[in-house]
């Protein structure tokens, strides 16, 4: 495998989470949810697929609250006058809720939400309206909510998606803020700035589902939700319990710092629930596999760079034009190539004979 292919595969592995994050941003989710808000709806089957709930300031929600309303003891007359002066008069004209909405101690078992519904909730000032549903993991649920007053003017409010466990904490926070039970609201409000990653350790606080489905100071919300599986809650004391979902429209000033204040009017919330059957569902462990691959790819980068660095020193390169020094001997340039000059062939003349071949040698005899 070439180095270009390795670098390309590593880059693609690192950019894959960013691409997945970009595809799941709130902007894209808002656009997808807005496109899915239209569809045929069926009448709501109350207490079968959807249950209507509410929280009002003049009812604390405790089943024993009605037994001791008339039994009040005062030490003196001044304490009675101070208590009467401190009571806030509730304007019932701004509370359209009926008793069956907030006097709910028994919660019926709901069928999985597999139908499209549309309804309008009238929520009083300083009150809360909620829809309890049983979301199915086999369906993609799109929730579209629009807030208006009785004159069809947009009204800012807070919208939350809570599970059963978080809705119980939210209900306790609402009642403690209106009843001032031993300063519980002040202590809870002091912990409202706790970061989301530590909020689960706050036994007095509450959070939205997945720490992301909270929409504050808004008049229109569209969001979609896909469940990986049935929502359950495990506790050491109660064991494993089934969790329903609550779509909460908040019209009171809760303990969050960036929430909307009470609108001083009746809020009409138009709620549309669109369900779409899911054809392909990824198992939950695929998320772990993706992040494991990203982690391993990130950890392998230093080793790959180190290997390339070590291999780079194994290639011997002859330095060029090095200045001679005491440590490096001078290198003379090689002589130019020798060109041999072709030799000319010279013909020698024939030898000249100075004596005849027939000359006889005369020997002289020595004299005696």
Protein backbone atom coordinates (compact mmCIF):
# COMPACT_ATOMS: atom_id res chain seq x y z
CA UNK A 1 0.00 0.00 0.00
CA UNK A 2 1.42 3.35 -1.01
CA UNK A 3 1.86 6.24 1.39
CA UNK A 4 -0.82 8.27 -0.40
CA UNK A 5 -3.41 5.54 0.17
CA UNK A 6 -2.50 5.29 3.86
CA UNK A 7 -2.69 9.04 4.35
CA UNK A 8 -6.03 9.16 2.54
CA UNK A 9 -7.53 6.38 4.65
CA UNK A 10 -6.36 8.01 7.88
CA UNK A 11 -7.78 11.38 6.81
CA UNK A 12 -11.12 9.79 5.89
CA UNK A 13 -11.26 8.04 9.26
CA UNK A 14 -10.63 11.30 11.10
CA UNK A 15 -13.17 13.25 9.04
CA UNK A 16 -15.93 10.65 9.41
CA UNK A 17 -17.08 11.81 12.89
CA UNK A 18 -17.09 15.43 11.72
CA UNK A 19 -19.25 14.45 8.76
CA UNK A 20 -21.65 12.54 11.00
CA UNK A 21 -21.79 15.49 13.38
CA UNK A 22 -22.52 17.88 10.52
CA UNK A 23 -25.36 15.68 9.30
CA UNK A 24 -26.91 15.62 12.78
CA UNK A 25 -26.63 19.32 13.65
CA UNK A 26 -29.73 21.11 14.98
CA UNK A 27 -30.01 23.09 11.75
CA UNK A 28 -30.33 19.97 9.60
CA UNK A 29 -32.63 18.37 12.17
CA UNK A 30 -34.85 21.44 12.13
CA UNK A 31 -35.10 21.33 8.33
CA UNK A 32 -35.89 17.61 8.28
CA UNK A 33 -38.46 18.01 11.02
CA UNK A 34 -40.08 20.97 9.28
CA UNK A 35 -40.50 18.91 6.12
CA UNK A 36 -42.11 16.09 8.10
CA UNK A 37 -44.68 18.21 9.95
CA UNK A 38 -47.28 17.82 7.23
CA UNK A 39 -49.38 14.69 7.02
CA UNK A 40 -52.75 13.14 7.64
CA UNK A 41 -53.69 13.06 11.32
CA UNK A 42 -56.18 11.01 13.30
CA UNK A 43 -58.16 12.09 16.37
CA UNK A 44 -56.33 11.67 19.63
CA UNK A 45 -57.45 8.70 21.71
CA UNK A 46 -57.00 10.24 25.12
CA UNK A 47 -55.57 8.03 27.85
CA UNK A 48 -54.94 5.32 25.26
CA UNK A 49 -52.18 6.75 23.06
CA UNK A 50 -51.80 10.24 24.60
CA UNK A 51 -52.53 11.60 28.08
CA UNK A 52 -53.06 15.28 28.89
CA UNK A 53 -51.41 16.58 32.07
CA UNK A 54 -50.86 19.99 33.62
CA UNK A 55 -49.29 21.73 36.60
CA UNK A 56 -51.05 24.74 38.12
CA UNK A 57 -49.88 27.07 40.91
CA UNK A 58 -53.01 26.59 43.06
CA UNK A 59 -52.68 22.78 43.30
CA UNK A 60 -49.59 21.16 44.77
CA UNK A 61 -50.28 17.68 43.39
CA UNK A 62 -50.04 15.81 46.71
CA UNK A 63 -52.86 13.38 47.42
CA UNK A 64 -52.81 14.30 51.11
CA UNK A 65 -52.97 18.07 50.52
CA UNK A 66 -56.71 18.32 50.92
CA UNK A 67 -56.86 16.98 54.48
CA UNK A 68 -55.08 19.77 56.36
CA UNK A 69 -56.03 22.86 54.36
CA UNK A 70 -58.30 24.13 57.15
CA UNK A 71 -56.03 23.18 60.04
CA UNK A 72 -53.73 26.19 60.44
CA UNK A 73 -52.32 27.33 63.75
CA UNK A 74 -51.03 30.83 64.43
CA UNK A 75 -49.21 32.03 67.48
CA UNK A 76 -50.57 35.56 67.32
CA UNK A 77 -52.71 37.85 65.20
CA UNK A 78 -49.72 39.54 63.60
CA UNK A 79 -48.53 36.24 62.14
CA UNK A 80 -51.99 35.68 60.64
CA UNK A 81 -51.94 39.13 59.00
CA UNK A 82 -48.44 38.61 57.62
CA UNK A 83 -49.43 35.27 56.18
CA UNK A 84 -52.51 36.72 54.51
CA UNK A 85 -50.54 39.61 53.08
CA UNK A 86 -47.85 37.28 51.68
CA UNK A 87 -50.36 35.14 49.78
CA UNK A 88 -50.48 35.79 46.06
CA UNK A 89 -53.96 36.10 44.63
CA UNK A 90 -54.37 33.69 41.74
CA UNK A 91 -56.25 35.03 38.72
CA UNK A 92 -58.36 32.05 37.71
CA UNK A 93 -59.30 33.76 34.46
CA UNK A 94 -55.77 32.97 33.25
CA UNK A 95 -56.05 29.30 34.26
CA UNK A 96 -58.13 27.37 31.70
CA UNK A 97 -57.02 23.97 33.01
CA UNK A 98 -59.69 21.57 34.20
CA UNK A 99 -59.33 19.47 37.41
CA UNK A 100 -58.90 16.20 35.55
CA UNK A 101 -55.69 17.59 34.01
CA UNK A 102 -53.83 18.26 37.27
CA UNK A 103 -55.59 15.85 39.66
CA UNK A 104 -53.91 12.80 38.16
CA UNK A 105 -52.62 10.24 40.64
CA UNK A 106 -53.12 7.14 38.46
CA UNK A 107 -51.34 6.99 35.10
CA UNK A 108 -52.86 4.53 32.60
CA UNK A 109 -50.66 2.38 30.45
CA UNK A 110 -50.38 3.88 26.97
CA UNK A 111 -50.09 2.13 23.64
CA UNK A 112 -46.99 2.78 21.51
CA UNK A 113 -47.37 5.95 19.49
CA UNK A 114 -47.73 4.78 15.88
CA UNK A 115 -50.31 7.29 14.57
CA UNK A 116 -50.27 10.94 13.57
CA UNK A 117 -52.05 13.30 15.96
CA UNK A 118 -52.85 16.98 16.20
CA UNK A 119 -54.17 18.81 19.24
CA UNK A 120 -54.25 22.23 20.87
CA UNK A 121 -53.36 22.79 24.53
CA UNK A 122 -54.56 25.80 26.52
CA UNK A 123 -51.98 26.60 29.17
CA UNK A 124 -52.59 29.16 31.87
CA UNK A 125 -50.19 31.79 33.10
CA UNK A 126 -47.51 30.43 35.46
CA UNK A 127 -48.62 26.88 34.57
CA UNK A 128 -47.37 23.87 32.66
CA UNK A 129 -49.03 21.78 29.97
CA UNK A 130 -47.73 18.31 29.10
CA UNK A 131 -48.49 15.39 26.81
CA UNK A 132 -47.54 11.93 28.01
CA UNK A 133 -46.74 9.49 25.18
CA UNK A 134 -45.19 6.07 24.76
CA UNK A 135 -42.67 6.44 21.93
CA UNK A 136 -41.77 3.39 19.89
CA UNK A 137 -38.25 2.56 18.72
CA UNK A 138 -39.67 1.24 15.43
CA UNK A 139 -40.98 4.68 14.47
CA UNK A 140 -39.36 8.04 13.95
CA UNK A 141 -41.36 10.70 15.79
CA UNK A 142 -41.47 14.32 14.67
CA UNK A 143 -42.85 16.93 17.08
CA UNK A 144 -43.98 20.34 15.82
CA UNK A 145 -45.16 22.95 18.34
CA UNK A 146 -46.32 26.55 17.83
CA UNK A 147 -47.10 28.90 20.75
CA UNK A 148 -49.65 31.73 20.45
CA UNK A 149 -51.90 33.75 22.71
CA UNK A 150 -55.68 33.99 22.39
CA UNK A 151 -55.23 36.78 19.81
CA UNK A 152 -53.03 34.56 17.62
CA UNK A 153 -49.88 36.51 18.48
CA UNK A 154 -46.61 34.59 18.94
CA UNK A 155 -45.68 33.95 22.58
CA UNK A 156 -42.30 32.88 23.87
CA UNK A 157 -42.18 29.88 26.13
CA UNK A 158 -40.06 26.88 27.03
CA UNK A 159 -40.45 23.41 25.55
CA UNK A 160 -38.82 20.31 27.00
CA UNK A 161 -38.80 16.61 26.29
CA UNK A 162 -38.53 14.66 29.54
CA UNK A 163 -38.65 11.04 30.59
CA UNK A 164 -40.73 9.81 33.50
CA UNK A 165 -37.88 10.10 35.98
CA UNK A 166 -36.98 13.62 34.89
CA UNK A 167 -40.61 14.71 34.77
CA UNK A 168 -41.00 13.70 38.41
CA UNK A 169 -38.00 15.89 39.29
CA UNK A 170 -39.43 18.69 37.18
CA UNK A 171 -42.80 18.41 38.96
CA UNK A 172 -41.11 18.55 42.34
CA UNK A 173 -39.20 21.64 41.25
CA UNK A 174 -42.44 23.32 40.13
CA UNK A 175 -44.31 22.65 43.36
CA UNK A 176 -41.37 23.62 45.56
CA UNK A 177 -41.06 26.94 43.73
CA UNK A 178 -44.72 27.75 44.34
CA UNK A 179 -45.03 26.38 47.88
CA UNK A 180 -41.64 27.52 49.24
CA UNK A 181 -41.21 24.24 51.06
CA UNK A 182 -38.38 24.82 53.55
CA UNK A 183 -36.47 27.02 51.10
CA UNK A 184 -36.16 24.17 48.59
CA UNK A 185 -36.60 26.50 45.59
CA UNK A 186 -33.84 28.85 46.66
CA UNK A 187 -31.40 26.01 47.13
CA UNK A 188 -32.34 24.51 43.77
CA UNK A 189 -32.04 27.85 42.01
CA UNK A 190 -28.53 28.24 43.40
CA UNK A 191 -27.61 25.00 41.60
CA UNK A 192 -29.20 25.97 38.29
CA UNK A 193 -25.85 26.93 36.74
CA UNK A 194 -24.37 23.48 37.14
CA UNK A 195 -22.82 22.21 33.86
CA UNK A 196 -24.73 19.51 31.95
CA UNK A 197 -21.98 16.94 32.42
CA UNK A 198 -22.38 17.23 36.23
CA UNK A 199 -26.13 17.76 36.27
CA UNK A 200 -26.89 14.08 36.74
CA UNK A 201 -25.20 14.25 40.15
CA UNK A 202 -27.51 17.07 41.21
CA UNK A 203 -30.22 15.28 43.20
CA UNK A 204 -32.30 18.47 43.26
CA UNK A 205 -32.08 19.42 39.59
CA UNK A 206 -33.66 18.14 36.42
CA UNK A 207 -32.54 17.91 32.82
CA UNK A 208 -34.10 17.23 29.45
CA UNK A 209 -33.84 14.01 27.49
CA UNK A 210 -30.25 13.46 26.31
CA UNK A 211 -29.39 16.95 27.60
CA UNK A 212 -30.35 18.37 24.20
CA UNK A 213 -34.14 18.52 23.90
CA UNK A 214 -34.70 21.80 25.70
CA UNK A 215 -35.88 24.78 23.69
CA UNK A 216 -36.15 27.97 25.71
CA UNK A 217 -37.45 31.44 24.80
CA UNK A 218 -39.04 30.30 21.57
CA UNK A 219 -42.46 30.37 19.95
CA UNK A 220 -41.96 27.56 17.43
CA UNK A 221 -40.12 24.26 17.70
CA UNK A 222 -39.70 21.34 15.30
CA UNK A 223 -37.59 18.35 16.28
CA UNK A 224 -37.35 14.66 15.44
CA UNK A 225 -36.48 11.75 17.70
CA UNK A 226 -35.16 8.27 16.92
CA UNK A 227 -34.87 5.80 19.76
CA UNK A 228 -32.21 3.09 19.83
CA UNK A 229 -34.47 0.84 21.88
CA UNK A 230 -37.04 0.87 24.67
CA UNK A 231 -36.34 3.59 27.21
CA UNK A 232 -35.83 2.10 30.66
CA UNK A 233 -34.54 3.44 33.96
CA UNK A 234 -32.41 1.33 36.27
CA UNK A 235 -32.12 2.10 39.96
CA UNK A 236 -30.55 0.27 42.87
CA UNK A 237 -33.70 0.71 44.96
CA UNK A 238 -36.54 0.35 42.41
CA UNK A 239 -34.87 -1.88 39.83
CA UNK A 240 -35.68 -1.47 36.15
CA UNK A 241 -38.76 0.57 35.25
CA UNK A 242 -40.36 1.58 31.96
CA UNK A 243 -39.95 5.22 30.93
CA UNK A 244 -42.61 7.23 29.11
CA UNK A 245 -41.97 10.59 27.46
CA UNK A 246 -43.46 13.95 28.37
CA UNK A 247 -43.70 16.82 25.90
CA UNK A 248 -43.72 19.79 28.27
CA UNK A 249 -44.83 23.33 27.40
CA UNK A 250 -43.48 25.57 30.14
CA UNK A 251 -45.26 28.90 30.87
CA UNK A 252 -43.60 29.75 34.20
CA UNK A 253 -40.23 31.10 35.23
CA UNK A 254 -38.38 27.93 36.20
CA UNK A 255 -34.97 27.61 37.82
CA UNK A 256 -33.04 27.75 34.53
CA UNK A 257 -31.27 31.02 33.89
CA UNK A 258 -32.09 31.34 30.17
CA UNK A 259 -35.75 30.33 30.26
CA UNK A 260 -38.71 32.53 29.37
CA UNK A 261 -40.70 34.32 32.04
CA UNK A 262 -44.42 33.97 32.62
CA UNK A 263 -46.29 35.47 29.64
CA UNK A 264 -49.19 36.89 31.73
CA UNK A 265 -51.66 35.42 29.26
CA UNK A 266 -53.20 32.12 28.21
CA UNK A 267 -50.93 30.22 25.83
CA UNK A 268 -52.42 28.14 23.01
CA UNK A 269 -49.96 25.43 21.97
CA UNK A 270 -50.59 23.70 18.64
CA UNK A 271 -48.94 20.28 18.80
CA UNK A 272 -48.50 17.96 15.81
CA UNK A 273 -47.10 14.45 16.21
CA UNK A 274 -45.96 12.71 13.02
CA UNK A 275 -44.72 9.11 13.13
CA UNK A 276 -42.77 7.44 10.32
CA UNK A 277 -41.92 3.77 10.30
CA UNK A 278 -38.20 3.14 10.18
CA UNK A 279 -37.01 0.71 7.51
CA UNK A 280 -33.43 0.30 8.73
CA UNK A 281 -32.29 0.60 12.33
CA UNK A 282 -28.62 0.55 13.21
CA UNK A 283 -27.82 -1.41 16.36
CA UNK A 284 -26.60 0.72 19.27
CA UNK A 285 -23.11 -0.82 19.28
CA UNK A 286 -22.29 0.76 15.90
CA UNK A 287 -21.72 4.07 17.66
CA UNK A 288 -19.14 2.44 19.90
CA UNK A 289 -17.45 0.84 16.91
CA UNK A 290 -17.18 4.15 15.07
CA UNK A 291 -15.66 5.93 18.04
CA UNK A 292 -13.33 2.97 18.65
CA UNK A 293 -12.11 3.18 15.05
CA UNK A 294 -11.58 6.92 15.39
CA UNK A 295 -9.67 6.43 18.63
CA UNK A 296 -7.44 3.72 17.18
CA UNK A 297 -6.83 5.80 14.06
CA UNK A 298 -5.85 8.78 16.17
CA UNK A 299 -3.51 6.71 18.33
CA UNK A 300 -1.83 5.18 15.27
CA UNK A 301 -0.82 8.55 13.78
CA UNK A 302 2.31 9.01 15.97
CA UNK A 303 3.50 5.47 15.18
CA UNK A 304 3.02 5.98 11.45
CA UNK A 305 4.88 9.27 11.51
CA UNK A 306 7.69 7.72 13.56
CA UNK A 307 7.99 4.80 11.14
CA UNK A 308 8.21 7.16 8.16
CA UNK A 309 10.82 9.23 10.02
CA UNK A 310 12.95 6.18 10.80
CA UNK A 311 12.77 4.90 7.24
CA UNK A 312 13.83 8.27 5.89
CA UNK A 313 17.33 7.88 7.45
CA UNK A 314 18.02 4.51 5.82
CA UNK A 315 18.45 5.94 2.31
CA UNK A 316 22.13 6.89 1.69
CA UNK A 317 22.51 10.09 -0.23
CA UNK A 318 25.87 11.28 -1.60
CA UNK A 319 26.37 14.91 -0.64
CA UNK A 320 27.29 17.27 -3.43
CA UNK A 321 29.70 20.20 -3.38
CA UNK A 322 30.80 19.82 0.25
CA UNK A 323 33.42 22.31 1.38
CA UNK A 324 36.54 20.42 2.58
CA UNK A 325 37.19 20.49 6.28
CA UNK A 326 39.42 18.76 8.80
CA UNK A 327 36.87 15.99 9.29
CA UNK A 328 35.95 15.59 5.67
CA UNK A 329 38.77 14.92 3.18
CA UNK A 330 38.81 16.93 0.03
CA UNK A 331 37.41 15.20 -2.97
CA UNK A 332 39.08 16.02 -6.26
CA UNK A 333 36.83 16.09 -9.21
CA UNK A 334 37.28 13.09 -11.48
CA UNK A 335 39.50 13.70 -14.52
CA UNK A 336 37.82 14.17 -17.82
CA UNK A 337 37.53 11.04 -19.91
CA UNK A 338 40.64 10.26 -22.03
CA UNK A 339 40.04 10.21 -25.73
CA UNK A 340 42.44 7.99 -27.66
CA UNK A 341 43.79 9.49 -30.89
CA UNK A 342 43.66 6.95 -33.68
CA UNK A 343 47.16 5.95 -34.89
CA UNK A 344 48.13 6.40 -38.52
CA UNK A 345 49.56 3.42 -40.32
CA UNK A 346 52.89 4.34 -41.91
CA UNK A 347 54.30 2.03 -44.58
CA UNK A 348 58.04 1.57 -44.30
CA UNK A 349 60.09 1.60 -47.51
CA UNK A 350 61.70 -1.67 -48.59
CA UNK A 351 65.26 -2.26 -47.32
CA UNK A 352 68.14 -1.24 -49.68
CA UNK A 353 70.68 -3.95 -50.53
CA UNK A 354 74.26 -2.58 -50.41
CA UNK A 355 76.10 -5.77 -51.46
CA UNK A 356 75.38 -8.40 -53.94
CA UNK A 357 74.20 -11.74 -52.86
CA UNK A 358 76.86 -13.41 -55.07
CA UNK A 359 79.77 -11.74 -53.36
CA UNK A 360 82.21 -14.31 -52.13
CA UNK A 361 84.09 -13.83 -48.99
CA UNK A 362 87.83 -13.79 -49.41
CA UNK A 363 89.74 -15.31 -46.68
CA UNK A 364 93.20 -14.21 -46.26
CA UNK A 365 95.50 -16.77 -45.01
CA UNK A 366 97.90 -15.60 -42.49
CA UNK A 367 101.57 -15.55 -43.45
CA UNK A 368 103.73 -18.15 -42.03
